[in-house]
Protein backbone atom coordinates (compact mmCIF):
# COMPACT_ATOMS: atom_id res chain seq x y z
CA MET A 1 88.95 133.37 85.25
CA THR A 2 87.70 134.84 88.48
CA GLU A 3 87.32 132.57 91.50
CA GLU A 4 83.56 132.63 90.97
CA GLU A 5 84.00 131.57 87.34
CA ILE A 6 86.44 128.81 88.34
CA VAL A 7 83.96 127.34 90.81
CA ALA A 8 81.07 127.60 88.36
CA HIS A 9 83.03 125.95 85.56
CA ALA A 10 84.28 123.12 87.80
CA THR A 11 80.79 122.54 89.23
CA GLU A 12 79.41 122.15 85.72
CA LEU A 13 82.31 119.93 84.60
CA HIS A 14 82.55 117.60 87.59
CA PRO A 15 79.43 115.47 86.93
CA THR A 16 80.47 114.87 83.31
CA ILE A 17 83.74 113.08 84.05
CA LEU A 18 84.48 109.65 85.50
CA THR A 19 86.00 110.12 88.96
CA ILE A 20 88.03 107.31 90.55
CA ASP A 21 89.81 107.14 93.91
CA THR A 22 92.39 104.35 93.69
CA HIS A 23 92.89 103.76 97.41
CA VAL A 24 90.39 103.72 100.29
CA ASP A 25 90.94 101.68 103.46
CA ILE A 26 88.29 99.71 105.32
CA PRO A 27 88.15 98.24 108.83
CA ALA A 28 87.72 94.55 109.61
CA ASN A 29 84.07 95.17 110.60
CA PHE A 30 83.25 97.00 107.36
CA ALA A 31 79.75 96.45 105.97
CA THR A 32 78.25 95.53 109.33
CA GLU A 33 75.95 97.43 111.67
CA GLU A 34 79.04 98.86 113.37
CA SER A 35 80.48 100.20 110.09
CA ASP A 36 77.64 100.53 107.63
CA PRO A 37 78.80 102.05 104.30
CA GLY A 38 75.22 102.91 103.40
CA VAL A 39 74.88 105.33 106.31
CA ARG A 40 76.52 108.75 106.36
CA GLY A 41 78.83 108.50 109.35
CA GLU A 42 82.31 109.23 110.64
CA ARG A 43 84.17 107.37 107.89
CA LYS A 44 85.59 109.48 105.10
CA VAL A 45 84.15 107.25 102.39
CA ASP A 46 80.63 105.88 102.47
CA LEU A 47 77.95 105.68 99.80
CA PRO A 48 76.18 108.93 100.78
CA LYS A 49 79.47 110.86 100.78
CA MET A 50 80.44 109.39 97.41
CA ARG A 51 77.11 110.59 96.00
CA GLU A 52 77.43 114.02 97.62
CA GLY A 53 80.92 114.55 96.23
CA GLY A 54 80.34 113.02 92.83
CA LEU A 55 82.92 110.27 93.39
CA ASP A 56 81.94 107.53 90.95
CA ALA A 57 84.29 104.69 91.89
CA ALA A 58 86.70 103.70 94.61
CA PHE A 59 89.22 100.93 95.12
CA PHE A 60 88.53 99.49 98.56
CA ALA A 61 91.70 97.99 100.01
CA ALA A 62 91.98 94.50 101.42
CA TYR A 63 94.80 95.60 103.73
CA VAL A 64 96.80 93.13 105.81
CA SER A 65 99.40 94.09 108.39
CA GLN A 66 102.98 92.88 108.06
CA THR A 67 103.91 90.43 110.78
CA GLU A 68 106.79 88.07 111.40
CA ARG A 69 106.96 85.54 108.58
CA THR A 70 106.08 82.25 110.26
CA SER A 71 103.90 79.35 109.11
CA GLU A 72 101.25 80.33 111.65
CA ASN A 73 101.23 83.96 110.54
CA TYR A 74 101.08 82.96 106.86
CA GLU A 75 97.80 81.20 107.57
CA GLN A 76 96.50 84.10 109.66
CA VAL A 77 97.22 86.71 107.00
CA LYS A 78 95.28 84.73 104.40
CA ALA A 79 92.32 84.66 106.78
CA ASP A 80 92.69 88.41 107.41
CA ALA A 81 92.60 89.11 103.68
CA MET A 82 89.42 87.06 103.28
CA VAL A 83 87.73 89.11 106.00
CA LYS A 84 88.23 92.23 103.86
CA PHE A 85 87.15 90.51 100.64
CA ASP A 86 83.99 89.26 102.34
CA ALA A 87 83.25 92.77 103.64
CA ILE A 88 83.54 94.43 100.21
CA HIS A 89 81.36 91.78 98.60
CA ARG A 90 78.87 92.09 101.46
CA MET A 91 78.54 95.83 100.83
CA ALA A 92 77.95 95.41 97.11
CA GLU A 93 75.86 92.26 97.06
CA PRO A 94 73.46 91.54 99.93
CA MET A 95 73.50 95.04 101.45
CA TYR A 96 73.41 97.67 98.67
CA PRO A 97 73.21 95.99 95.22
CA ASP A 98 70.90 98.78 94.03
CA GLN A 99 73.53 101.43 94.79
CA ILE A 100 76.97 99.94 94.19
CA GLU A 101 78.45 97.08 92.18
CA ILE A 102 81.88 95.47 92.03
CA ALA A 103 83.76 96.27 88.82
CA HIS A 104 85.98 93.54 87.42
CA SER A 105 87.31 95.44 84.40
CA ALA A 106 87.53 98.94 82.97
CA ASP A 107 84.59 98.19 80.66
CA ASP A 108 82.68 96.84 83.63
CA LEU A 109 83.30 100.04 85.58
CA GLU A 110 82.01 102.14 82.69
CA ARG A 111 78.92 99.95 82.39
CA ILE A 112 78.17 100.35 86.11
CA HIS A 113 78.70 104.10 85.91
CA ASN A 114 76.48 104.47 82.86
CA TYR A 115 73.78 102.53 84.69
CA GLY A 116 73.87 105.18 87.41
CA LYS A 117 75.41 103.12 90.19
CA LEU A 118 78.61 103.59 92.15
CA ALA A 119 81.48 101.21 91.39
CA ALA A 120 83.47 99.30 94.00
CA CYS A 121 86.84 97.97 92.93
CA ILE A 122 89.18 95.83 95.02
CA GLY A 123 92.90 96.23 95.65
CA ILE A 124 95.12 94.28 98.03
CA GLU A 125 97.41 96.39 100.20
CA ASN A 126 100.49 94.33 101.05
CA GLY A 127 101.52 91.35 98.97
CA TYR A 128 102.04 89.55 102.26
CA ALA A 129 98.42 88.51 101.73
CA ILE A 130 99.64 85.71 99.45
CA ALA A 131 102.22 84.64 102.07
CA ASP A 132 104.56 82.39 100.05
CA ASP A 133 101.82 80.85 97.88
CA ILE A 134 101.86 82.33 94.38
CA SER A 135 98.75 80.36 93.41
CA LEU A 136 96.72 82.72 95.61
CA LEU A 137 97.14 85.46 92.99
CA GLU A 138 94.63 83.72 90.76
CA THR A 139 92.34 83.04 93.72
CA TYR A 140 92.33 86.70 94.72
CA HIS A 141 91.86 87.77 91.12
CA ASP A 142 88.77 85.56 90.92
CA LEU A 143 87.47 87.34 94.03
CA GLY A 144 87.83 90.71 92.27
CA ALA A 145 91.28 91.99 93.23
CA ARG A 146 92.74 94.06 90.42
CA TYR A 147 95.93 95.36 92.00
CA ILE A 148 98.34 94.38 94.75
CA THR A 149 100.56 96.78 96.65
CA LEU A 150 103.69 94.62 96.75
CA THR A 151 104.77 95.54 100.29
CA HIS A 152 103.60 97.65 103.20
CA ASP A 153 105.40 98.64 106.42
CA GLY A 154 108.22 96.10 106.63
CA HIS A 155 109.89 93.77 104.16
CA ASN A 156 108.11 90.64 102.98
CA ASP A 157 108.91 87.66 100.76
CA ILE A 158 108.18 89.67 97.61
CA GLY A 159 110.54 92.57 98.16
CA ASP A 160 111.93 95.38 100.27
CA SER A 161 109.68 98.02 101.80
CA ALA A 162 110.26 101.77 101.80
CA THR A 163 109.80 101.62 105.56
CA PRO A 164 111.69 98.74 107.25
CA ARG A 165 110.36 97.95 110.70
CA GLU A 166 112.49 97.44 113.80
CA ARG A 167 109.73 95.36 115.43
CA LEU A 168 110.18 92.87 112.55
CA ARG A 169 113.97 93.00 112.93
CA ASP A 170 114.26 94.38 109.40
CA GLU A 171 117.61 95.45 108.03
CA GLU A 172 117.65 98.49 105.76
CA ALA A 173 117.50 96.08 102.82
CA GLU A 174 116.77 92.36 102.72
CA HIS A 175 116.51 91.47 99.03
CA GLY A 176 118.01 94.54 97.37
CA GLY A 177 114.71 95.12 95.55
CA LEU A 178 112.41 92.37 94.34
CA SER A 179 113.31 88.90 95.58
CA ASP A 180 113.43 85.99 93.14
CA PHE A 181 109.99 85.09 94.43
CA GLY A 182 108.91 88.70 93.91
CA LYS A 183 110.00 88.59 90.28
CA GLU A 184 107.83 85.50 89.82
CA VAL A 185 104.95 87.33 91.52
CA VAL A 186 105.19 90.27 89.12
CA ALA A 187 105.24 87.92 86.14
CA GLU A 188 102.22 86.03 87.45
CA MET A 189 100.34 89.26 88.13
CA ASN A 190 100.99 90.24 84.53
CA ARG A 191 99.65 86.88 83.40
CA VAL A 192 96.41 86.93 85.38
CA GLY A 193 95.76 90.63 84.81
CA MET A 194 96.48 92.29 88.14
CA MET A 195 98.09 95.71 88.27
CA VAL A 196 101.40 95.99 90.13
CA ASP A 197 101.16 98.72 92.78
CA ILE A 198 104.45 100.18 94.02
CA SER A 199 103.21 102.49 96.78
CA HIS A 200 105.02 101.51 100.00
CA VAL A 201 107.90 99.68 98.28
CA ALA A 202 111.58 100.57 98.48
CA LYS A 203 113.10 102.48 95.58
CA SER A 204 115.04 99.39 94.51
CA THR A 205 111.84 97.32 94.52
CA MET A 206 109.99 99.97 92.54
CA LEU A 207 112.69 100.22 89.88
CA ASP A 208 112.78 96.43 89.55
CA ALA A 209 109.00 96.33 89.12
CA ALA A 210 109.01 99.12 86.53
CA ARG A 211 111.72 97.31 84.58
CA LEU A 212 110.28 93.80 84.78
CA SER A 213 106.53 94.33 84.52
CA ARG A 214 105.24 93.64 81.03
CA ALA A 215 102.34 96.02 81.65
CA PRO A 216 102.05 99.49 83.21
CA ILE A 217 102.42 99.71 86.98
CA ILE A 218 100.71 102.11 89.37
CA ALA A 219 101.41 103.93 92.60
CA SER A 220 97.93 103.85 94.11
CA HIS A 221 98.63 106.49 96.79
CA SER A 222 101.98 108.31 96.70
CA SER A 223 103.41 111.77 96.05
CA ALA A 224 106.53 113.56 94.80
CA LYS A 225 109.59 113.24 97.00
CA ALA A 226 111.01 116.49 95.62
CA LEU A 227 108.21 118.36 97.43
CA ALA A 228 107.95 116.17 100.54
CA ASP A 229 110.97 114.08 101.48
CA HIS A 230 109.17 111.01 102.77
CA PRO A 231 110.42 107.45 102.09
CA ARG A 232 106.96 106.57 100.77
CA ASN A 233 107.18 109.16 97.99
CA LEU A 234 108.73 108.79 94.53
CA ASP A 235 111.85 110.71 93.57
CA ASP A 236 112.53 112.01 90.06
CA GLU A 237 114.35 108.86 88.96
CA GLN A 238 111.37 106.75 90.00
CA LEU A 239 108.89 109.08 88.33
CA LEU A 240 110.84 108.93 85.08
CA ALA A 241 110.94 105.12 85.34
CA LEU A 242 107.18 105.16 85.86
CA ARG A 243 106.76 107.17 82.67
CA GLU A 244 109.05 104.79 80.80
CA ASN A 245 106.87 101.91 81.97
CA GLY A 246 103.67 103.74 81.00
CA GLY A 247 102.30 103.78 84.54
CA VAL A 248 100.45 106.27 86.75
CA ILE A 249 101.13 107.80 90.18
CA HIS A 250 97.96 108.69 92.10
CA VAL A 251 98.64 111.66 94.33
CA VAL A 252 97.69 110.93 97.93
CA ALA A 253 95.61 113.25 100.10
CA LEU A 254 97.64 112.61 103.24
CA GLY A 255 99.34 115.63 104.76
CA GLY A 256 102.58 113.94 105.80
CA PHE A 257 103.22 112.83 102.22
CA LEU A 258 102.47 116.28 100.81
CA MET A 259 104.35 118.56 103.20
CA ALA A 260 106.87 117.86 105.92
CA ASP A 261 105.74 118.92 109.39
CA PRO A 262 108.13 121.16 111.35
CA PRO A 263 110.04 119.26 114.08
CA GLU A 264 108.02 120.98 116.81
CA LYS A 265 104.73 119.65 115.42
CA THR A 266 106.18 116.17 114.93
CA ALA A 267 107.27 116.09 118.57
CA ALA A 268 103.87 117.33 119.74
CA ILE A 269 102.05 114.64 117.73
CA GLU A 270 104.31 111.91 119.07
CA ALA A 271 103.75 113.10 122.64
CA MET A 272 99.99 113.21 122.13
CA ARG A 273 99.92 109.70 120.67
CA GLU A 274 102.07 108.41 123.51
CA GLU A 275 99.74 109.93 126.06
CA MET A 276 96.69 108.41 124.36
CA GLY A 277 98.38 105.02 123.91
CA VAL A 278 97.98 105.01 120.12
CA THR A 279 101.58 105.07 118.92
CA THR A 280 101.05 102.51 116.13
CA ARG A 281 98.86 102.65 113.04
CA GLU A 282 97.07 99.51 114.21
CA ALA A 283 96.25 101.15 117.54
CA ARG A 284 94.85 104.24 115.83
CA ARG A 285 92.69 102.11 113.56
CA ALA A 286 91.33 100.29 116.60
CA MET A 287 90.26 103.45 118.46
CA ASP A 288 86.67 103.51 119.66
CA PRO A 289 84.43 106.45 118.61
CA GLU A 290 85.15 108.40 121.80
CA GLN A 291 88.92 107.99 121.40
CA ARG A 292 88.71 108.91 117.73
CA GLN A 293 86.79 112.08 118.55
CA GLU A 294 89.36 113.07 121.17
CA TYR A 295 92.22 112.27 118.80
CA SER A 296 90.65 114.42 116.07
CA ARG A 297 90.08 117.28 118.49
CA ARG A 298 93.67 117.29 119.65
CA MET A 299 95.03 117.00 116.12
CA ALA A 300 92.87 119.97 115.12
CA GLU A 301 94.43 122.00 117.93
CA LEU A 302 97.91 121.16 116.66
CA ASP A 303 96.85 122.02 113.12
CA GLU A 304 95.77 125.46 114.27
CA THR A 305 99.27 126.07 115.59
CA TRP A 306 101.06 124.50 112.62
CA PRO A 307 98.78 124.57 109.53
CA PRO A 308 98.95 121.28 107.59
CA ALA A 309 98.89 120.49 103.89
CA ASP A 310 95.71 121.43 102.04
CA ILE A 311 94.12 120.99 98.62
CA GLN A 312 96.49 123.56 97.13
CA THR A 313 99.49 121.56 98.38
CA TRP A 314 97.95 118.49 96.74
CA GLY A 315 97.61 120.43 93.50
CA ASP A 316 101.27 121.47 93.70
CA HIS A 317 102.27 117.79 93.65
CA VAL A 318 100.09 117.23 90.60
CA ASP A 319 101.78 120.18 88.88
CA TYR A 320 105.25 118.90 89.70
CA ILE A 321 104.54 115.42 88.39
CA VAL A 322 102.86 116.68 85.21
CA ASP A 323 105.77 119.03 84.52
CA LEU A 324 108.26 116.17 84.93
CA ILE A 325 106.58 113.18 83.28
CA GLY A 326 103.43 114.43 81.56
CA ILE A 327 99.67 114.59 82.00
CA ASP A 328 99.19 110.89 81.14
CA HIS A 329 100.85 109.64 84.32
CA VAL A 330 99.02 111.22 87.27
CA GLY A 331 95.79 110.38 89.10
CA VAL A 332 93.95 110.54 92.45
CA GLY A 333 94.46 108.08 95.34
CA THR A 334 93.40 109.51 98.69
CA ASP A 335 94.23 106.89 101.35
CA PHE A 336 90.97 107.96 102.99
CA ASP A 337 90.22 106.02 106.16
CA GLY A 338 93.86 104.99 106.25
CA GLY A 339 95.21 108.39 107.29
CA GLY A 340 94.22 110.47 104.27
CA GLY A 341 92.31 113.71 104.54
CA ILE A 342 93.48 117.29 104.05
CA ARG A 343 91.86 120.70 104.30
CA GLY A 344 89.63 121.11 101.29
CA PHE A 345 89.64 117.38 100.52
CA ASN A 346 88.91 115.69 103.81
CA ASP A 347 86.45 113.05 102.64
CA ALA A 348 84.62 111.80 99.56
CA SER A 349 81.91 114.46 99.88
CA GLU A 350 84.52 117.10 99.00
CA SER A 351 85.61 115.49 95.72
CA LEU A 352 84.30 118.48 93.74
CA ASN A 353 87.06 120.55 95.36
CA VAL A 354 89.65 118.50 93.44
CA THR A 355 88.07 119.53 90.15
CA ILE A 356 87.91 123.14 91.35
CA GLU A 357 91.59 123.06 92.29
CA LEU A 358 92.59 121.53 88.95
CA VAL A 359 90.65 124.23 87.08
CA ARG A 360 92.35 126.80 89.32
CA HIS A 361 95.73 125.36 88.28
CA GLY A 362 94.84 125.82 84.62
CA TYR A 363 94.11 122.26 83.52
CA THR A 364 91.75 121.73 80.60
CA GLU A 365 88.60 119.62 80.72
CA GLU A 366 90.39 116.79 78.88
CA GLU A 367 93.34 116.93 81.27
CA ILE A 368 91.12 116.91 84.35
CA ALA A 369 89.28 113.87 83.00
CA LYS A 370 92.64 112.11 82.59
CA ILE A 371 93.73 112.94 86.14
CA TRP A 372 90.41 111.92 87.73
CA GLY A 373 90.16 108.54 86.05
CA GLY A 374 91.17 108.47 82.41
CA ASN A 375 94.82 107.66 83.02
CA PHE A 376 93.95 104.85 85.41
CA MET A 377 91.40 103.41 82.99
CA ARG A 378 94.06 103.40 80.26
CA VAL A 379 96.41 101.42 82.50
CA TRP A 380 93.62 99.03 83.52
CA ARG A 381 92.81 98.33 79.89
CA GLU A 382 96.48 97.66 79.12
CA LYS A 383 96.69 95.40 82.17
CA THR A 384 94.76 92.40 80.90
CA PRO A 385 95.87 88.75 80.65
CA GLY A 386 98.39 88.32 77.88
CA SER A 387 98.40 91.98 76.85
CA GLY A 388 101.48 93.21 78.68
CA GLY A 389 104.74 93.66 76.85
CA THR A 390 103.43 93.53 73.30
CA GLU A 391 105.14 95.53 70.59
CA GLU A 392 102.00 97.63 70.23
CA HIS A 393 102.10 98.45 73.96
CA ARG A 394 105.73 99.53 73.75
CA THR A 395 105.10 101.64 70.63
CA VAL A 396 102.12 103.42 72.21
CA ASN A 397 104.14 104.24 75.30
CA LYS A 398 107.08 105.48 73.23
CA GLU A 399 104.78 107.83 71.29
CA ARG A 400 103.22 109.05 74.54
CA ARG A 401 106.59 109.77 76.11
CA THR A 402 107.76 111.62 73.01
CA SER A 403 104.64 113.81 73.04
CA ASN A 404 105.21 114.64 76.71
CA ALA A 405 108.92 115.36 76.42
């Protein structure tokens, strides 16, 4: 196919498939006048941009930051999680019920899509949101949460993180994978019907989760470590374990997880952040519009000197994962508004470019539909109360692995 034919074919195909982004971040003031998702603005994902790009559904993350594990902080983190839950419900219920609706199941998402509305799904980023209270899993599930990323930056009571934090006085490993409490958490998530998300967790934690979960697990926003040696990415052993479990890795659209920056660029970015006083992720999220504009301008200057990852790099990760573990185990999870955004796929309005790139890489219509949402929907349907670990589930996964071998 010529480039013109590729674009034409992808443009015709894109509206016919269900497109899902499994990880989008939101600020604490989301769904307010200051951060209105119904207005096309600076955020990478809002309702107009979803419509423009043909993005049908997104998992909005109730993210909580890892702090020192104290009784006071346990109470604070629960309150922080509720702020995000309230914001997502506010968007979909009093603000824009005619445009977007919260999906509580795979069938629910399809119903919403067929009705012509966008679908909002809820994921929790950092299991620290439950503190040490396992009963909160059912509470959060009732509020709409359908996956939990077990850890974030820094270890928690559930397990070890891929990125221990010196500010939390973390050792390289605390539990050696999932803690005893973490094993109980995974079992309870299986029971209530919440997907286990292993983005951000240590390799030992991920392998424990893949082995112990009675239902398929997901990586909501990760990439292949063989192509970008970042602690947040999955190596070949982890990818093979993911296939054995029947799960899906959703390739992230964040440059640092797709391609390693040269040391010179890394040093320049660190110096720029130091000068601007935004050395932490929390500080960058808290930037005012003027600071954000200046930060973007200066990053763009650095990108001109050292070109970053782009949509083709993203497609290379998809190819690598498909070649290793098969077409049934890869999806799309951007981390938009949490650092995600690459050339060619910088916000939701450019979602068509993903389909174009997948056509360019030679994927069929059926395969593109699997990558964009089909694989995730399969996992979601297998991740219902009482369904994990059945003989039928194991047989289906065995047949799938054999066909991909």
